[in-house]
């Protein structure tokens, strides 16, 4: 039978390994897709900008067309900036919640270790309960 420490270390190593693998796979996919999407978007952007400039220049003249496009892109950039700021704020909040949950788990593990030194049978029960509670969960089930 494994000791409480061995069970906890095994659980921790399994969780870290799963997260590293998931993160690397996700990063590879995102990098390839991002590169492809970026090239296509830059091409589409350049063509659309040239077409819009020509169309507006015929109707309003060259200078007003260019200032109009510049103002539109400035407004669009401000909207994107606001969305990114809101998302970053949400991610900070989620990280704060995760840190709090992790601290609660560490406190639970410390209590279990204290109980293990005093009552071996209770420690076995606590180790089994913690093993089920902290069992690695795959994030790939959500996909």
N, C-alpha and C. Protein backbone atom coordinates (compact mmCIF):
# COMPACT_ATOMS: atom_id res chain seq x y z
N UNK A 1 0.85 -1.18 0.00
CA UNK A 1 0.00 0.00 0.00
C UNK A 1 0.89 1.24 0.00
N UNK A 2 0.51 2.21 -0.77
CA UNK A 2 1.28 3.44 -0.86
C UNK A 2 1.01 4.34 0.34
N UNK A 3 2.01 5.09 0.71
CA UNK A 3 1.84 6.03 1.81
C UNK A 3 1.10 7.26 1.32
N UNK A 4 0.67 8.08 2.25
CA UNK A 4 -0.05 9.31 1.92
C UNK A 4 0.82 10.21 1.06
N UNK A 5 2.07 10.35 1.42
CA UNK A 5 2.98 11.21 0.66
C UNK A 5 3.17 10.71 -0.76
N UNK A 6 3.32 9.39 -0.92
CA UNK A 6 3.51 8.83 -2.25
C UNK A 6 2.28 9.05 -3.13
N UNK A 7 1.10 8.89 -2.55
CA UNK A 7 -0.14 9.10 -3.30
C UNK A 7 -0.25 10.55 -3.74
N UNK A 8 0.06 11.46 -2.83
CA UNK A 8 -0.05 12.88 -3.15
C UNK A 8 0.97 13.30 -4.20
N UNK A 9 2.20 12.80 -4.09
CA UNK A 9 3.23 13.14 -5.08
C UNK A 9 2.85 12.57 -6.44
N UNK A 10 2.37 11.33 -6.46
CA UNK A 10 1.96 10.71 -7.72
C UNK A 10 0.83 11.52 -8.36
N UNK A 11 -0.12 11.94 -7.56
CA UNK A 11 -1.23 12.74 -8.06
C UNK A 11 -0.74 14.06 -8.63
N UNK A 12 0.16 14.71 -7.93
CA UNK A 12 0.68 16.00 -8.37
C UNK A 12 1.45 15.86 -9.68
N UNK A 13 2.30 14.85 -9.78
CA UNK A 13 3.09 14.63 -11.00
C UNK A 13 2.17 14.35 -12.19
N UNK A 14 1.15 13.55 -11.97
CA UNK A 14 0.21 13.23 -13.05
C UNK A 14 -0.51 14.48 -13.53
N UNK A 15 -0.95 15.32 -12.60
CA UNK A 15 -1.66 16.53 -12.97
C UNK A 15 -0.75 17.50 -13.73
N UNK A 16 0.49 17.65 -13.28
CA UNK A 16 1.42 18.57 -13.95
C UNK A 16 1.74 18.06 -15.36
N UNK A 17 1.98 16.77 -15.50
CA UNK A 17 2.28 16.19 -16.80
C UNK A 17 1.12 16.39 -17.77
N UNK A 18 -0.11 16.14 -17.30
CA UNK A 18 -1.28 16.34 -18.16
C UNK A 18 -1.39 17.78 -18.61
N UNK A 19 -1.20 18.71 -17.72
CA UNK A 19 -1.34 20.12 -18.07
C UNK A 19 -0.25 20.56 -19.05
N UNK A 20 0.97 20.09 -18.86
CA UNK A 20 2.06 20.46 -19.77
C UNK A 20 1.78 19.93 -21.17
N UNK A 21 1.35 18.68 -21.27
CA UNK A 21 1.04 18.10 -22.58
C UNK A 21 -0.09 18.86 -23.27
N UNK A 22 -1.14 19.15 -22.52
CA UNK A 22 -2.27 19.89 -23.09
C UNK A 22 -1.84 21.28 -23.56
N UNK A 23 -1.02 21.94 -22.76
CA UNK A 23 -0.57 23.29 -23.11
C UNK A 23 0.29 23.28 -24.36
N UNK A 24 1.20 22.32 -24.47
CA UNK A 24 2.06 22.24 -25.65
C UNK A 24 1.26 21.94 -26.91
N UNK A 25 0.34 20.99 -26.82
CA UNK A 25 -0.49 20.67 -27.98
C UNK A 25 -1.30 21.88 -28.42
N UNK A 26 -1.89 22.55 -27.47
CA UNK A 26 -2.69 23.73 -27.78
C UNK A 26 -1.83 24.84 -28.37
N UNK A 27 -0.63 25.04 -27.84
CA UNK A 27 0.24 26.10 -28.35
C UNK A 27 0.67 25.81 -29.79
N UNK A 28 0.97 24.57 -30.10
CA UNK A 28 1.35 24.22 -31.47
C UNK A 28 0.22 24.49 -32.45
N UNK A 29 -0.98 24.02 -32.09
CA UNK A 29 -2.14 24.24 -32.96
C UNK A 29 -2.41 25.73 -33.14
N UNK A 30 -2.36 26.46 -32.05
CA UNK A 30 -2.64 27.89 -32.12
C UNK A 30 -1.60 28.63 -32.95
N UNK A 31 -0.35 28.24 -32.85
CA UNK A 31 0.71 28.91 -33.61
C UNK A 31 0.53 28.69 -35.11
N UNK A 32 0.25 27.47 -35.50
CA UNK A 32 0.08 27.17 -36.93
C UNK A 32 -1.17 27.87 -37.47
N UNK A 33 -2.26 27.76 -36.76
CA UNK A 33 -3.50 28.40 -37.21
C UNK A 33 -3.35 29.92 -37.21
N UNK A 34 -2.70 30.46 -36.20
CA UNK A 34 -2.50 31.91 -36.14
C UNK A 34 -1.67 32.43 -37.28
N UNK A 35 -0.64 31.70 -37.64
CA UNK A 35 0.20 32.11 -38.77
C UNK A 35 -0.58 32.11 -40.08
N UNK A 36 -1.32 31.06 -40.32
CA UNK A 36 -2.11 30.96 -41.54
C UNK A 36 -3.18 32.04 -41.59
N UNK A 37 -3.90 32.20 -40.51
CA UNK A 37 -4.94 33.22 -40.46
C UNK A 37 -4.33 34.62 -40.60
N UNK A 38 -3.18 34.84 -39.99
CA UNK A 38 -2.53 36.14 -40.09
C UNK A 38 -2.16 36.50 -41.52
N UNK A 39 -1.60 35.57 -42.26
CA UNK A 39 -1.22 35.83 -43.65
C UNK A 39 -2.46 36.14 -44.48
N UNK A 40 -3.52 35.37 -44.30
CA UNK A 40 -4.75 35.60 -45.06
C UNK A 40 -5.39 36.94 -44.70
N UNK A 41 -5.37 37.28 -43.41
CA UNK A 41 -5.96 38.55 -42.99
C UNK A 41 -5.17 39.75 -43.49
N UNK A 42 -3.87 39.65 -43.49
CA UNK A 42 -3.06 40.76 -44.00
C UNK A 42 -3.30 40.96 -45.49
N UNK A 43 -3.41 39.87 -46.23
CA UNK A 43 -3.70 39.97 -47.66
C UNK A 43 -5.08 40.59 -47.90
N UNK A 44 -6.07 40.10 -47.18
CA UNK A 44 -7.42 40.64 -47.34
C UNK A 44 -7.48 42.11 -46.91
N UNK A 45 -6.78 42.44 -45.87
CA UNK A 45 -6.75 43.82 -45.38
C UNK A 45 -6.14 44.76 -46.42
N UNK A 46 -5.04 44.36 -46.99
CA UNK A 46 -4.37 45.21 -47.98
C UNK A 46 -5.26 45.42 -49.20
N UNK A 47 -5.89 44.36 -49.67
CA UNK A 47 -6.77 44.48 -50.83
C UNK A 47 -8.02 45.32 -50.52
N UNK A 48 -8.60 45.12 -49.36
CA UNK A 48 -9.78 45.89 -48.97
C UNK A 48 -9.44 47.37 -48.79
N UNK A 49 -8.31 47.63 -48.20
CA UNK A 49 -7.89 49.02 -47.99
C UNK A 49 -7.64 49.73 -49.32
N UNK A 50 -7.00 49.04 -50.25
CA UNK A 50 -6.76 49.63 -51.56
C UNK A 50 -8.08 49.88 -52.29
N UNK A 51 -8.99 48.92 -52.24
CA UNK A 51 -10.28 49.07 -52.90
C UNK A 51 -11.11 50.19 -52.27
N UNK A 52 -11.13 50.26 -50.96
CA UNK A 52 -11.90 51.31 -50.28
C UNK A 52 -11.31 52.69 -50.57
N UNK A 53 -10.02 52.79 -50.60
CA UNK A 53 -9.37 54.07 -50.89
C UNK A 53 -9.71 54.54 -52.31
N UNK A 54 -9.65 53.66 -53.25
CA UNK A 54 -9.97 54.02 -54.64
C UNK A 54 -11.43 54.44 -54.75
N UNK A 55 -12.32 53.67 -54.14
CA UNK A 55 -13.76 53.98 -54.22
C UNK A 55 -14.08 55.31 -53.55
N UNK A 56 -13.53 55.53 -52.36
CA UNK A 56 -13.80 56.79 -51.66
C UNK A 56 -13.13 57.98 -52.35
N UNK A 57 -11.97 57.75 -52.91
CA UNK A 57 -11.26 58.84 -53.59
C UNK A 57 -12.04 59.30 -54.83
N UNK A 58 -12.69 58.40 -55.53
CA UNK A 58 -13.49 58.78 -56.69
C UNK A 58 -14.70 59.60 -56.28
N UNK A 59 -15.26 59.26 -55.12
CA UNK A 59 -16.49 59.95 -54.71
C UNK A 59 -16.21 61.25 -53.95
N UNK A 60 -15.26 61.23 -52.99
CA UNK A 60 -15.03 62.39 -52.11
C UNK A 60 -13.72 63.12 -52.38
N UNK A 61 -12.83 62.51 -53.06
CA UNK A 61 -11.50 63.08 -53.26
C UNK A 61 -10.50 62.30 -52.42
N UNK A 62 -9.23 62.46 -52.75
CA UNK A 62 -8.19 61.66 -52.12
C UNK A 62 -8.00 61.97 -50.64
N UNK A 63 -7.87 63.23 -50.28
CA UNK A 63 -7.58 63.59 -48.89
C UNK A 63 -8.74 63.24 -47.95
N UNK A 64 -9.99 63.62 -48.26
CA UNK A 64 -11.07 63.21 -47.36
C UNK A 64 -11.22 61.69 -47.25
N UNK A 65 -10.98 60.97 -48.32
CA UNK A 65 -11.08 59.51 -48.28
C UNK A 65 -10.05 58.92 -47.33
N UNK A 66 -8.83 59.42 -47.41
CA UNK A 66 -7.78 58.88 -46.53
C UNK A 66 -8.05 59.23 -45.06
N UNK A 67 -8.49 60.47 -44.79
CA UNK A 67 -8.80 60.83 -43.41
C UNK A 67 -10.00 60.04 -42.88
N UNK A 68 -10.99 59.80 -43.72
CA UNK A 68 -12.14 58.99 -43.32
C UNK A 68 -11.74 57.57 -42.96
N UNK A 69 -10.90 56.97 -43.78
CA UNK A 69 -10.42 55.61 -43.47
C UNK A 69 -9.58 55.60 -42.19
N UNK A 70 -8.74 56.59 -42.03
CA UNK A 70 -7.91 56.66 -40.81
C UNK A 70 -8.79 56.77 -39.57
N UNK A 71 -9.83 57.60 -39.62
CA UNK A 71 -10.74 57.74 -38.48
C UNK A 71 -11.48 56.45 -38.18
N UNK A 72 -11.92 55.77 -39.24
CA UNK A 72 -12.61 54.49 -39.05
C UNK A 72 -11.72 53.44 -38.40
N UNK A 73 -10.48 53.38 -38.85
CA UNK A 73 -9.56 52.40 -38.27
C UNK A 73 -9.18 52.77 -36.84
N UNK A 74 -9.11 54.05 -36.55
CA UNK A 74 -8.84 54.48 -35.18
C UNK A 74 -9.98 54.05 -34.26
N UNK A 75 -11.22 54.24 -34.69
CA UNK A 75 -12.37 53.82 -33.91
C UNK A 75 -12.37 52.30 -33.71
N UNK A 76 -12.07 51.58 -34.76
CA UNK A 76 -12.00 50.12 -34.66
C UNK A 76 -10.91 49.68 -33.69
N UNK A 77 -9.76 50.33 -33.72
CA UNK A 77 -8.67 50.00 -32.81
C UNK A 77 -9.07 50.25 -31.36
N UNK A 78 -9.81 51.32 -31.10
CA UNK A 78 -10.26 51.62 -29.73
C UNK A 78 -11.26 50.57 -29.24
N UNK A 79 -12.12 50.10 -30.13
CA UNK A 79 -13.07 49.05 -29.75
C UNK A 79 -12.34 47.76 -29.41
N UNK A 80 -11.38 47.38 -30.24
CA UNK A 80 -10.60 46.16 -29.98
C UNK A 80 -9.82 46.30 -28.66
N UNK A 81 -9.25 47.46 -28.41
CA UNK A 81 -8.53 47.70 -27.17
C UNK A 81 -9.44 47.54 -25.96
N UNK A 82 -10.66 48.03 -26.03
CA UNK A 82 -11.61 47.89 -24.92
C UNK A 82 -11.97 46.42 -24.69
N UNK A 83 -12.14 45.66 -25.76
CA UNK A 83 -12.47 44.24 -25.62
C UNK A 83 -11.31 43.49 -24.99
N UNK A 84 -10.09 43.77 -25.43
CA UNK A 84 -8.91 43.09 -24.86
C UNK A 84 -8.74 43.44 -23.38
N UNK A 85 -8.97 44.70 -23.02
CA UNK A 85 -8.85 45.11 -21.62
C UNK A 85 -9.88 44.39 -20.76
N UNK A 86 -11.10 44.25 -21.25
CA UNK A 86 -12.14 43.55 -20.49
C UNK A 86 -11.79 42.07 -20.33
N UNK A 87 -11.27 41.48 -21.38
CA UNK A 87 -10.89 40.06 -21.30
C UNK A 87 -9.73 39.85 -20.34
N UNK A 88 -8.74 40.72 -20.37
CA UNK A 88 -7.61 40.61 -19.44
C UNK A 88 -8.08 40.75 -18.00
N UNK A 89 -9.02 41.66 -17.76
CA UNK A 89 -9.56 41.84 -16.41
C UNK A 89 -10.24 40.54 -15.95
N UNK A 90 -11.00 39.91 -16.83
CA UNK A 90 -11.68 38.65 -16.50
C UNK A 90 -10.67 37.54 -16.22
N UNK A 91 -9.62 37.45 -17.01
CA UNK A 91 -8.60 36.42 -16.79
C UNK A 91 -7.88 36.63 -15.47
N UNK A 92 -7.62 37.88 -15.11
CA UNK A 92 -7.00 38.16 -13.80
C UNK A 92 -7.89 37.68 -12.67
N UNK A 93 -9.18 37.91 -12.81
CA UNK A 93 -10.14 37.47 -11.78
C UNK A 93 -10.15 35.94 -11.68
N UNK A 94 -10.15 35.26 -12.81
CA UNK A 94 -10.13 33.80 -12.81
C UNK A 94 -8.84 33.25 -12.19
N UNK A 95 -7.70 33.91 -12.48
CA UNK A 95 -6.44 33.47 -11.87
C UNK A 95 -6.47 33.66 -10.36
N UNK A 96 -7.07 34.75 -9.91
CA UNK A 96 -7.19 35.00 -8.46
C UNK A 96 -8.05 33.92 -7.81
N UNK A 97 -9.14 33.54 -8.45
CA UNK A 97 -10.00 32.48 -7.91
C UNK A 97 -9.25 31.16 -7.87
N UNK A 98 -8.51 30.84 -8.94
CA UNK A 98 -7.74 29.58 -8.97
C UNK A 98 -6.68 29.55 -7.88
N UNK A 99 -6.01 30.70 -7.65
CA UNK A 99 -5.01 30.74 -6.58
C UNK A 99 -5.65 30.48 -5.22
N UNK A 100 -6.83 31.05 -5.01
CA UNK A 100 -7.53 30.83 -3.75
C UNK A 100 -7.91 29.36 -3.58
N UNK A 101 -8.37 28.72 -4.65
CA UNK A 101 -8.71 27.30 -4.59
C UNK A 101 -7.48 26.45 -4.33
N UNK A 102 -6.37 26.80 -4.94
CA UNK A 102 -5.13 26.07 -4.72
C UNK A 102 -4.66 26.20 -3.28
N UNK A 103 -4.80 27.39 -2.71
CA UNK A 103 -4.43 27.59 -1.31
C UNK A 103 -5.31 26.74 -0.40
N UNK A 104 -6.59 26.63 -0.72
CA UNK A 104 -7.49 25.79 0.08
C UNK A 104 -7.07 24.33 0.00
N UNK A 105 -6.66 23.88 -1.18
CA UNK A 105 -6.20 22.49 -1.32
C UNK A 105 -4.92 22.25 -0.53
N UNK A 106 -4.01 23.23 -0.57
CA UNK A 106 -2.77 23.08 0.21
C UNK A 106 -3.07 22.99 1.70
N UNK A 107 -4.02 23.78 2.18
CA UNK A 107 -4.40 23.72 3.59
C UNK A 107 -4.99 22.35 3.92
N UNK A 108 -5.79 21.81 3.01
CA UNK A 108 -6.37 20.48 3.22
C UNK A 108 -5.28 19.42 3.26
N UNK A 109 -4.28 19.54 2.39
CA UNK A 109 -3.18 18.58 2.39
C UNK A 109 -2.36 18.67 3.68
N UNK A 110 -2.16 19.88 4.17
CA UNK A 110 -1.42 20.05 5.43
C UNK A 110 -2.18 19.42 6.58
N UNK A 111 -3.50 19.58 6.60
CA UNK A 111 -4.31 18.96 7.66
C UNK A 111 -4.23 17.45 7.56
N UNK A 112 -4.24 16.93 6.34
CA UNK A 112 -4.15 15.47 6.15
C UNK A 112 -2.80 14.95 6.62
N UNK A 113 -1.73 15.69 6.34
CA UNK A 113 -0.40 15.26 6.78
C UNK A 113 -0.31 15.26 8.29
N UNK A 114 -0.92 16.24 8.94
CA UNK A 114 -0.92 16.29 10.41
C UNK A 114 -1.67 15.10 10.97
N UNK A 115 -2.82 14.78 10.36
CA UNK A 115 -3.61 13.64 10.84
C UNK A 115 -2.86 12.33 10.60
N UNK A 116 -2.08 12.27 9.55
CA UNK A 116 -1.36 11.03 9.22
C UNK A 116 -0.31 10.70 10.27
N UNK A 117 0.28 11.70 10.86
CA UNK A 117 1.31 11.42 11.86
C UNK A 117 0.70 10.94 13.17
N UNK A 118 -0.57 11.28 13.43
CA UNK A 118 -1.20 10.92 14.70
C UNK A 118 -2.02 9.65 14.62
N UNK A 119 -2.76 9.47 13.53
CA UNK A 119 -3.66 8.32 13.41
C UNK A 119 -3.46 7.67 12.04
N UNK A 120 -2.75 6.55 11.97
CA UNK A 120 -2.45 5.93 10.68
C UNK A 120 -3.68 5.46 9.91
N UNK A 121 -4.68 4.90 10.59
CA UNK A 121 -5.87 4.43 9.88
C UNK A 121 -6.68 5.59 9.32
N UNK A 122 -6.78 6.66 10.09
CA UNK A 122 -7.48 7.84 9.60
C UNK A 122 -6.71 8.45 8.43
N UNK A 123 -5.39 8.36 8.50
CA UNK A 123 -4.57 8.89 7.42
C UNK A 123 -4.82 8.14 6.12
N UNK A 124 -5.00 6.82 6.21
CA UNK A 124 -5.29 6.03 5.02
C UNK A 124 -6.62 6.45 4.41
N UNK A 125 -7.62 6.65 5.25
CA UNK A 125 -8.92 7.09 4.75
C UNK A 125 -8.83 8.47 4.11
N UNK A 126 -8.09 9.36 4.75
CA UNK A 126 -7.93 10.70 4.21
C UNK A 126 -7.17 10.65 2.88
N UNK A 127 -6.15 9.80 2.80
CA UNK A 127 -5.38 9.67 1.56
C UNK A 127 -6.26 9.19 0.42
N UNK A 128 -7.11 8.21 0.69
CA UNK A 128 -8.02 7.73 -0.35
C UNK A 128 -9.00 8.83 -0.76
N UNK A 129 -9.53 9.54 0.21
CA UNK A 129 -10.47 10.62 -0.11
C UNK A 129 -9.79 11.70 -0.93
N UNK A 130 -8.58 12.08 -0.54
CA UNK A 130 -7.85 13.11 -1.29
C UNK A 130 -7.49 12.62 -2.69
N UNK A 131 -7.18 11.34 -2.81
CA UNK A 131 -6.88 10.77 -4.13
C UNK A 131 -8.05 10.91 -5.07
N UNK A 132 -9.26 10.66 -4.56
CA UNK A 132 -10.45 10.83 -5.40
C UNK A 132 -10.76 12.30 -5.63
N UNK A 133 -10.58 13.11 -4.60
CA UNK A 133 -10.88 14.53 -4.71
C UNK A 133 -9.95 15.24 -5.68
N UNK A 134 -8.67 14.92 -5.63
CA UNK A 134 -7.67 15.60 -6.44
C UNK A 134 -7.30 14.81 -7.69
N UNK A 135 -8.13 13.86 -8.07
CA UNK A 135 -7.81 13.02 -9.23
C UNK A 135 -7.67 13.89 -10.47
N UNK A 136 -6.70 13.57 -11.34
CA UNK A 136 -6.51 14.37 -12.55
C UNK A 136 -7.75 14.33 -13.42
N UNK A 137 -8.13 15.49 -13.88
CA UNK A 137 -9.28 15.60 -14.78
C UNK A 137 -8.77 16.09 -16.12
N UNK A 138 -9.13 15.41 -17.16
CA UNK A 138 -8.68 15.80 -18.50
C UNK A 138 -9.54 16.94 -19.01
N UNK A 139 -8.90 17.97 -19.52
CA UNK A 139 -9.62 19.09 -20.12
C UNK A 139 -10.08 18.75 -21.53
N UNK A 140 -9.60 17.67 -22.07
CA UNK A 140 -9.93 17.32 -23.45
C UNK A 140 -11.35 16.81 -23.56
N UNK A 141 -11.98 16.45 -22.43
CA UNK A 141 -13.37 16.00 -22.47
C UNK A 141 -14.30 17.11 -22.90
N UNK A 142 -13.89 18.38 -22.68
CA UNK A 142 -14.73 19.52 -23.03
C UNK A 142 -14.78 19.78 -24.52
N UNK A 143 -13.79 19.30 -25.27
CA UNK A 143 -13.70 19.59 -26.70
C UNK A 143 -14.78 18.90 -27.49
